[in-house]
Amino acid sequence: MDVNLPGLSGIEAAQQIRLEREAAKILFFTVHDSDEIIREIIGVGALGYVAKSRASQDLIEAVRIVLAERHFSRTR
């Protein structure tokens, strides 16, 4: 999920997904990595985020961790 989606923000979409499917495992893949955005991502129940700038280092590991229902985050 990205933070910026056409018509609806990723944060809002994640909230709706979690309301309908509480067990959904949400991982954000985004260019946004400010502390405020990260707090919002975690606040809506996402299990983590991957900064697009770190995709080659983190994406596969993040998916595996989130599928195991654990939290993933890596600082800039």
PDB file of N, CA and C in Angstrom:
ATOM      1  N   MET A   1       0.865  -1.157   0.000  1.00  0.00           N
ATOM      2  CA  MET A   1       0.000   0.000   0.000  1.00  0.00           C
ATOM      3  C   MET A   1       0.909   1.217   0.000  1.00  0.00           C
ATOM      4  N   ASP A   2       0.534   2.221  -0.762  1.00  0.00           N
ATOM      5  CA  ASP A   2       1.276   3.480  -0.746  1.00  0.00           C
ATOM      6  C   ASP A   2       0.452   4.516   0.006  1.00  0.00           C
ATOM      7  N   VAL A   3       1.100   5.508   0.546  1.00  0.00           N
ATOM      8  CA  VAL A   3       0.401   6.581   1.254  1.00  0.00           C
ATOM      9  C   VAL A   3      -0.428   7.388   0.261  1.00  0.00           C
ATOM     10  N   ASN A   4       0.148   7.663  -0.912  1.00  0.00           N
ATOM     11  CA  ASN A   4      -0.550   8.445  -1.934  1.00  0.00           C
ATOM     12  C   ASN A   4      -1.244   7.525  -2.923  1.00  0.00           C
ATOM     13  N   LEU A   5      -2.553   7.535  -2.896  1.00  0.00           N
ATOM     14  CA  LEU A   5      -3.363   6.789  -3.853  1.00  0.00           C
ATOM     15  C   LEU A   5      -4.343   7.761  -4.492  1.00  0.00           C
ATOM     16  N   PRO A   6      -4.728   7.523  -5.733  1.00  0.00           N
ATOM     17  CA  PRO A   6      -5.699   8.430  -6.352  1.00  0.00           C
ATOM     18  C   PRO A   6      -7.071   8.305  -5.691  1.00  0.00           C
ATOM     19  N   GLY A   7      -7.622   9.438  -5.281  1.00  0.00           N
ATOM     20  CA  GLY A   7      -8.975   9.460  -4.733  1.00  0.00           C
ATOM     21  C   GLY A   7      -9.084   9.189  -3.247  1.00  0.00           C
ATOM     22  N   LEU A   8      -8.202   8.409  -2.702  1.00  0.00           N
ATOM     23  CA  LEU A   8      -8.270   8.024  -1.296  1.00  0.00           C
ATOM     24  C   LEU A   8      -6.840   7.817  -0.820  1.00  0.00           C
ATOM     25  N   SER A   9      -6.493   8.370   0.334  1.00  0.00           N
ATOM     26  CA  SER A   9      -5.120   8.166   0.799  1.00  0.00           C
ATOM     27  C   SER A   9      -4.931   6.715   1.248  1.00  0.00           C
ATOM     28  N   GLY A  10      -3.706   6.274   1.213  1.00  0.00           N
ATOM     29  CA  GLY A  10      -3.401   4.928   1.681  1.00  0.00           C
ATOM     30  C   GLY A  10      -3.750   4.740   3.143  1.00  0.00           C
ATOM     31  N   ILE A  11      -3.608   5.805   3.927  1.00  0.00           N
ATOM     32  CA  ILE A  11      -3.959   5.758   5.350  1.00  0.00           C
ATOM     33  C   ILE A  11      -5.456   5.480   5.486  1.00  0.00           C
ATOM     34  N   GLU A  12      -6.268   6.208   4.725  1.00  0.00           N
ATOM     35  CA  GLU A  12      -7.720   6.004   4.774  1.00  0.00           C
ATOM     36  C   GLU A  12      -8.102   4.622   4.255  1.00  0.00           C
ATOM     37  N   ALA A  13      -7.444   4.186   3.191  1.00  0.00           N
ATOM     38  CA  ALA A  13      -7.721   2.852   2.651  1.00  0.00           C
ATOM     39  C   ALA A  13      -7.373   1.774   3.676  1.00  0.00           C
ATOM     40  N   ALA A  14      -6.245   1.935   4.352  1.00  0.00           N
ATOM     41  CA  ALA A  14      -5.840   0.962   5.372  1.00  0.00           C
ATOM     42  C   ALA A  14      -6.853   0.911   6.508  1.00  0.00           C
ATOM     43  N   GLN A  15      -7.365   2.076   6.909  1.00  0.00           N
ATOM     44  CA  GLN A  15      -8.397   2.103   7.956  1.00  0.00           C
ATOM     45  C   GLN A  15      -9.623   1.313   7.522  1.00  0.00           C
ATOM     46  N   GLN A  16     -10.069   1.507   6.294  1.00  0.00           N
ATOM     47  CA  GLN A  16     -11.242   0.795   5.803  1.00  0.00           C
ATOM     48  C   GLN A  16     -10.988  -0.705   5.703  1.00  0.00           C
ATOM     49  N   ILE A  17      -9.813  -1.061   5.222  1.00  0.00           N
ATOM     50  CA  ILE A  17      -9.459  -2.486   5.126  1.00  0.00           C
ATOM     51  C   ILE A  17      -9.484  -3.124   6.506  1.00  0.00           C
ATOM     52  N   ARG A  18      -8.891  -2.467   7.482  1.00  0.00           N
ATOM     53  CA  ARG A  18      -8.842  -3.028   8.843  1.00  0.00           C
ATOM     54  C   ARG A  18     -10.228  -3.137   9.459  1.00  0.00           C
ATOM     55  N   LEU A  19     -11.139  -2.211   9.110  1.00  0.00           N
ATOM     56  CA  LEU A  19     -12.514  -2.301   9.615  1.00  0.00           C
ATOM     57  C   LEU A  19     -13.225  -3.522   9.046  1.00  0.00           C
ATOM     58  N   GLU A  20     -12.972  -3.813   7.778  1.00  0.00           N
ATOM     59  CA  GLU A  20     -13.646  -4.943   7.130  1.00  0.00           C
ATOM     60  C   GLU A  20     -12.923  -6.264   7.343  1.00  0.00           C
ATOM     61  N   ARG A  21     -11.619  -6.223   7.454  1.00  0.00           N
ATOM     62  CA  ARG A  21     -10.806  -7.437   7.626  1.00  0.00           C
ATOM     63  C   ARG A  21      -9.762  -7.184   8.690  1.00  0.00           C
ATOM     64  N   GLU A  22     -10.149  -7.351   9.925  1.00  0.00           N
ATOM     65  CA  GLU A  22      -9.256  -7.047  11.049  1.00  0.00           C
ATOM     66  C   GLU A  22      -7.932  -7.808  10.961  1.00  0.00           C
ATOM     67  N   ALA A  23      -7.966  -8.989  10.380  1.00  0.00           N
ATOM     68  CA  ALA A  23      -6.762  -9.811  10.295  1.00  0.00           C
ATOM     69  C   ALA A  23      -5.871  -9.457   9.104  1.00  0.00           C
ATOM     70  N   ALA A  24      -6.244  -8.463   8.312  1.00  0.00           N
ATOM     71  CA  ALA A  24      -5.440  -8.079   7.155  1.00  0.00           C
ATOM     72  C   ALA A  24      -4.038  -7.664   7.591  1.00  0.00           C
ATOM     73  N   LYS A  25      -3.073  -8.077   6.818  1.00  0.00           N
ATOM     74  CA  LYS A  25      -1.681  -7.729   7.084  1.00  0.00           C
ATOM     75  C   LYS A  25      -1.296  -6.627   6.097  1.00  0.00           C
ATOM     76  N   ILE A  26      -1.127  -5.428   6.596  1.00  0.00           N
ATOM     77  CA  ILE A  26      -0.874  -4.276   5.736  1.00  0.00           C
ATOM     78  C   ILE A  26       0.575  -3.830   5.885  1.00  0.00           C
ATOM     79  N   LEU A  27       1.228  -3.677   4.741  1.00  0.00           N
ATOM     80  CA  LEU A  27       2.600  -3.185   4.666  1.00  0.00           C
ATOM     81  C   LEU A  27       2.592  -2.002   3.702  1.00  0.00           C
ATOM     82  N   PHE A  28       3.091  -0.875   4.143  1.00  0.00           N
ATOM     83  CA  PHE A  28       3.188   0.297   3.276  1.00  0.00           C
ATOM     84  C   PHE A  28       4.523   0.291   2.558  1.00  0.00           C
ATOM     85  N   PHE A  29       4.487   0.666   1.298  1.00  0.00           N
ATOM     86  CA  PHE A  29       5.660   0.789   0.441  1.00  0.00           C
ATOM     87  C   PHE A  29       5.596   2.201  -0.117  1.00  0.00           C
ATOM     88  N   THR A  30       6.416   3.091   0.402  1.00  0.00           N
ATOM     89  CA  THR A  30       6.178   4.505   0.141  1.00  0.00           C
ATOM     90  C   THR A  30       7.450   5.336   0.106  1.00  0.00           C
ATOM     91  N   VAL A  31       7.365   6.490  -0.536  1.00  0.00           N
ATOM     92  CA  VAL A  31       8.478   7.440  -0.523  1.00  0.00           C
ATOM     93  C   VAL A  31       8.466   8.258   0.759  1.00  0.00           C
ATOM     94  N   HIS A  32       7.359   8.264   1.460  1.00  0.00           N
ATOM     95  CA  HIS A  32       7.211   9.066   2.671  1.00  0.00           C
ATOM     96  C   HIS A  32       7.814   8.327   3.865  1.00  0.00           C
ATOM     97  N   ASP A  33       8.706   8.997   4.575  1.00  0.00           N
ATOM     98  CA  ASP A  33       9.286   8.361   5.759  1.00  0.00           C
ATOM     99  C   ASP A  33       9.437   9.331   6.923  1.00  0.00           C
ATOM    100  N   SER A  34       8.578  10.348   6.952  1.00  0.00           N
ATOM    101  CA  SER A  34       8.618  11.272   8.085  1.00  0.00           C
ATOM    102  C   SER A  34       8.067  10.576   9.324  1.00  0.00           C
ATOM    103  N   ASP A  35       8.478  11.033  10.477  1.00  0.00           N
ATOM    104  CA  ASP A  35       8.000  10.436  11.721  1.00  0.00           C
ATOM    105  C   ASP A  35       6.482  10.500  11.823  1.00  0.00           C
ATOM    106  N   GLU A  36       5.892  11.601  11.366  1.00  0.00           N
ATOM    107  CA  GLU A  36       4.432  11.759  11.419  1.00  0.00           C
ATOM    108  C   GLU A  36       3.731  10.703  10.565  1.00  0.00           C
ATOM    109  N   ILE A  37       4.201  10.489   9.349  1.00  0.00           N
ATOM    110  CA  ILE A  37       3.590   9.494   8.463  1.00  0.00           C
ATOM    111  C   ILE A  37       3.767   8.092   9.045  1.00  0.00           C
ATOM    112  N   ILE A  38       4.935   7.809   9.579  1.00  0.00           N
ATOM    113  CA  ILE A  38       5.181   6.487  10.169  1.00  0.00           C
ATOM    114  C   ILE A  38       4.228   6.244  11.337  1.00  0.00           C
ATOM    115  N   ARG A  39       4.002   7.260  12.179  1.00  0.00           N
ATOM    116  CA  ARG A  39       3.047   7.113  13.288  1.00  0.00           C
ATOM    117  C   ARG A  39       1.643   6.836  12.758  1.00  0.00           C
ATOM    118  N   GLU A  40       1.249   7.525  11.692  1.00  0.00           N
ATOM    119  CA  GLU A  40      -0.078   7.287  11.111  1.00  0.00           C
ATOM    120  C   GLU A  40      -0.193   5.874  10.556  1.00  0.00           C
ATOM    121  N   ILE A  41       0.841   5.420   9.872  1.00  0.00           N
ATOM    122  CA  ILE A  41       0.850   4.072   9.292  1.00  0.00           C
ATOM    123  C   ILE A  41       0.659   3.027  10.390  1.00  0.00           C
ATOM    124  N   ILE A  42       1.425   3.137  11.442  1.00  0.00           N
ATOM    125  CA  ILE A  42       1.319   2.180  12.549  1.00  0.00           C
ATOM    126  C   ILE A  42      -0.013   2.360  13.273  1.00  0.00           C
ATOM    127  N   GLY A  43      -0.472   3.601  13.382  1.00  0.00           N
ATOM    128  CA  GLY A  43      -1.731   3.896  14.070  1.00  0.00           C
ATOM    129  C   GLY A  43      -2.959   3.287  13.420  1.00  0.00           C
ATOM    130  N   VAL A  44      -2.914   3.065  12.110  1.00  0.00           N
ATOM    131  CA  VAL A  44      -4.074   2.454  11.435  1.00  0.00           C
ATOM    132  C   VAL A  44      -3.994   0.936  11.432  1.00  0.00           C
ATOM    133  N   GLY A  45      -2.959   0.402  12.071  1.00  0.00           N
ATOM    134  CA  GLY A  45      -2.870  -1.048  12.195  1.00  0.00           C
ATOM    135  C   GLY A  45      -1.981  -1.737  11.180  1.00  0.00           C
ATOM    136  N   ALA A  46      -1.245  -0.958  10.395  1.00  0.00           N
ATOM    137  CA  ALA A  46      -0.296  -1.578   9.467  1.00  0.00           C
ATOM    138  C   ALA A  46       0.813  -2.247  10.272  1.00  0.00           C
ATOM    139  N   LEU A  47       1.347  -3.299   9.726  1.00  0.00           N
ATOM    140  CA  LEU A  47       2.426  -4.005  10.412  1.00  0.00           C
ATOM    141  C   LEU A  47       3.794  -3.463  10.047  1.00  0.00           C
ATOM    142  N   GLY A  48       3.839  -2.508   9.133  1.00  0.00           N
ATOM    143  CA  GLY A  48       5.125  -1.923   8.831  1.00  0.00           C
ATOM    144  C   GLY A  48       5.118  -1.079   7.588  1.00  0.00           C
ATOM    145  N   TYR A  49       6.306  -0.622   7.238  1.00  0.00           N
ATOM    146  CA  TYR A  49       6.490   0.190   6.049  1.00  0.00           C
ATOM    147  C   TYR A  49       7.887  -0.045   5.498  1.00  0.00           C
ATOM    148  N   VAL A  50       8.010   0.132   4.206  1.00  0.00           N
ATOM    149  CA  VAL A  50       9.301   0.078   3.541  1.00  0.00           C
ATOM    150  C   VAL A  50       9.437   1.366   2.739  1.00  0.00           C
ATOM    151  N   ALA A  51      10.504   2.077   2.964  1.00  0.00           N
ATOM    152  CA  ALA A  51      10.785   3.267   2.171  1.00  0.00           C
ATOM    153  C   ALA A  51      11.221   2.814   0.781  1.00  0.00           C
ATOM    154  N   LYS A  52      10.674   3.444  -0.258  1.00  0.00           N
ATOM    155  CA  LYS A  52      11.026   3.046  -1.616  1.00  0.00           C
ATOM    156  C   LYS A  52      12.524   3.164  -1.862  1.00  0.00           C
ATOM    157  N   SER A  53      13.165   4.081  -1.180  1.00  0.00           N
ATOM    158  CA  SER A  53      14.610   4.244  -1.341  1.00  0.00           C
ATOM    159  C   SER A  53      15.387   3.038  -0.802  1.00  0.00           C
ATOM    160  N   ARG A  54      14.742   2.207   0.009  1.00  0.00           N
ATOM    161  CA  ARG A  54      15.392   1.026   0.585  1.00  0.00           C
ATOM    162  C   ARG A  54      14.787  -0.282   0.080  1.00  0.00           C
ATOM    163  N   ALA A  55      14.030  -0.219  -0.988  1.00  0.00           N
ATOM    164  CA  ALA A  55      13.323  -1.399  -1.482  1.00  0.00           C
ATOM    165  C   ALA A  55      14.251  -2.577  -1.744  1.00  0.00           C
ATOM    166  N   SER A  56      15.382  -2.332  -2.384  1.00  0.00           N
ATOM    167  CA  SER A  56      16.265  -3.456  -2.721  1.00  0.00           C
ATOM    168  C   SER A  56      16.852  -4.118  -1.479  1.00  0.00           C
ATOM    169  N   GLN A  57      16.964  -3.384  -0.391  1.00  0.00           N
ATOM    170  CA  GLN A  57      17.512  -3.963   0.841  1.00  0.00           C
ATOM    171  C   GLN A  57      16.428  -4.572   1.733  1.00  0.00           C
ATOM    172  N   ASP A  58      15.208  -4.013   1.710  1.00  0.00           N
ATOM    173  CA  ASP A  58      14.237  -4.337   2.754  1.00  0.00           C
ATOM    174  C   ASP A  58      12.947  -5.025   2.317  1.00  0.00           C
ATOM    175  N   LEU A  59      12.558  -4.910   1.061  1.00  0.00           N
ATOM    176  CA  LEU A  59      11.204  -5.311   0.686  1.00  0.00           C
ATOM    177  C   LEU A  59      10.911  -6.791   0.935  1.00  0.00           C
ATOM    178  N   ILE A  60      11.752  -7.679   0.497  1.00  0.00           N
ATOM    179  CA  ILE A  60      11.480  -9.113   0.670  1.00  0.00           C
ATOM    180  C   ILE A  60      11.446  -9.487   2.145  1.00  0.00           C
ATOM    181  N   GLU A  61      12.411  -8.993   2.897  1.00  0.00           N
ATOM    182  CA  GLU A  61      12.426  -9.262   4.345  1.00  0.00           C
ATOM    183  C   GLU A  61      11.161  -8.724   5.013  1.00  0.00           C
ATOM    184  N   ALA A  62      10.740  -7.517   4.625  1.00  0.00           N
ATOM    185  CA  ALA A  62       9.545  -6.910   5.217  1.00  0.00           C
ATOM    186  C   ALA A  62       8.303  -7.741   4.937  1.00  0.00           C
ATOM    187  N   VAL A  63       8.159  -8.214   3.726  1.00  0.00           N
ATOM    188  CA  VAL A  63       6.996  -9.041   3.379  1.00  0.00           C
ATOM    189  C   VAL A  63       6.994 -10.316   4.214  1.00  0.00           C
ATOM    190  N   ARG A  64       8.128 -10.955   4.345  1.00  0.00           N
ATOM    191  CA  ARG A  64       8.211 -12.179   5.152  1.00  0.00           C
ATOM    192  C   ARG A  64       7.846 -11.910   6.614  1.00  0.00           C
ATOM    193  N   ILE A  65       8.340 -10.829   7.155  1.00  0.00           N
ATOM    194  CA  ILE A  65       8.072 -10.497   8.562  1.00  0.00           C
ATOM    195  C   ILE A  65       6.596 -10.189   8.766  1.00  0.00           C
ATOM    196  N   VAL A  66       6.015  -9.406   7.884  1.00  0.00           N
ATOM    197  CA  VAL A  66       4.599  -9.052   8.003  1.00  0.00           C
ATOM    198  C   VAL A  66       3.712 -10.290   7.822  1.00  0.00           C
ATOM    199  N   LEU A  67       4.058 -11.164   6.908  1.00  0.00           N
ATOM    200  CA  LEU A  67       3.280 -12.403   6.739  1.00  0.00           C
ATOM    201  C   LEU A  67       3.324 -13.272   7.995  1.00  0.00           C
ATOM    202  N   ALA A  68       4.400 -13.136   8.760  1.00  0.00           N
ATOM    203  CA  ALA A  68       4.522 -13.862  10.025  1.00  0.00           C
ATOM    204  C   ALA A  68       3.845 -13.100  11.168  1.00  0.00           C
ATOM    205  N   GLU A  69       3.116 -12.032  10.811  1.00  0.00           N
ATOM    206  CA  GLU A  69       2.353 -11.215  11.762  1.00  0.00           C
ATOM    207  C   GLU A  69       3.239 -10.515  12.785  1.00  0.00           C
ATOM    208  N   ARG A  70       4.417 -10.102  12.316  1.00  0.00           N
ATOM    209  CA  ARG A  70       5.317  -9.308  13.141  1.00  0.00           C
ATOM    210  C   ARG A  70       5.466  -7.933  12.499  1.00  0.00           C
ATOM    211  N   HIS A  71       5.955  -6.978  13.267  1.00  0.00           N
ATOM    212  CA  HIS A  71       6.140  -5.611  12.779  1.00  0.00           C
ATOM    213  C   HIS A  71       7.493  -5.448  12.106  1.00  0.00           C
ATOM    214  N   PHE A  72       7.489  -4.681  11.025  1.00  0.00           N
ATOM    215  CA  PHE A  72       8.724  -4.356  10.338  1.00  0.00           C
ATOM    216  C   PHE A  72       8.843  -2.851  10.198  1.00  0.00           C
ATOM    217  N   SER A  73       9.991  -2.325  10.559  1.00  0.00           N
ATOM    218  CA  SER A  73      10.309  -0.926  10.262  1.00  0.00           C
ATOM    219  C   SER A  73      11.818  -0.789  10.278  1.00  0.00           C
ATOM    220  N   ARG A  74      12.283   0.032   9.425  1.00  0.00           N
ATOM    221  CA  ARG A  74      13.707   0.283   9.349  1.00  0.00           C
ATOM    222  C   ARG A  74      13.848   1.783   9.216  1.00  0.00           C
ATOM    223  N   THR A  75      14.662   2.357  10.040  1.00  0.00           N
ATOM    224  CA  THR A  75      14.844   3.806   9.969  1.00  0.00           C
ATOM    225  C   THR A  75      15.638   4.165   8.720  1.00  0.00           C
ATOM    226  N   ARG A  76      15.475   5.384   8.339  1.00  0.00           N
ATOM    227  CA  ARG A  76      16.120   5.904   7.123  1.00  0.00           C
ATOM    228  C   ARG A  76      17.518   5.443   7.081  1.00  0.00           C
TER     229      ARG A  76
END
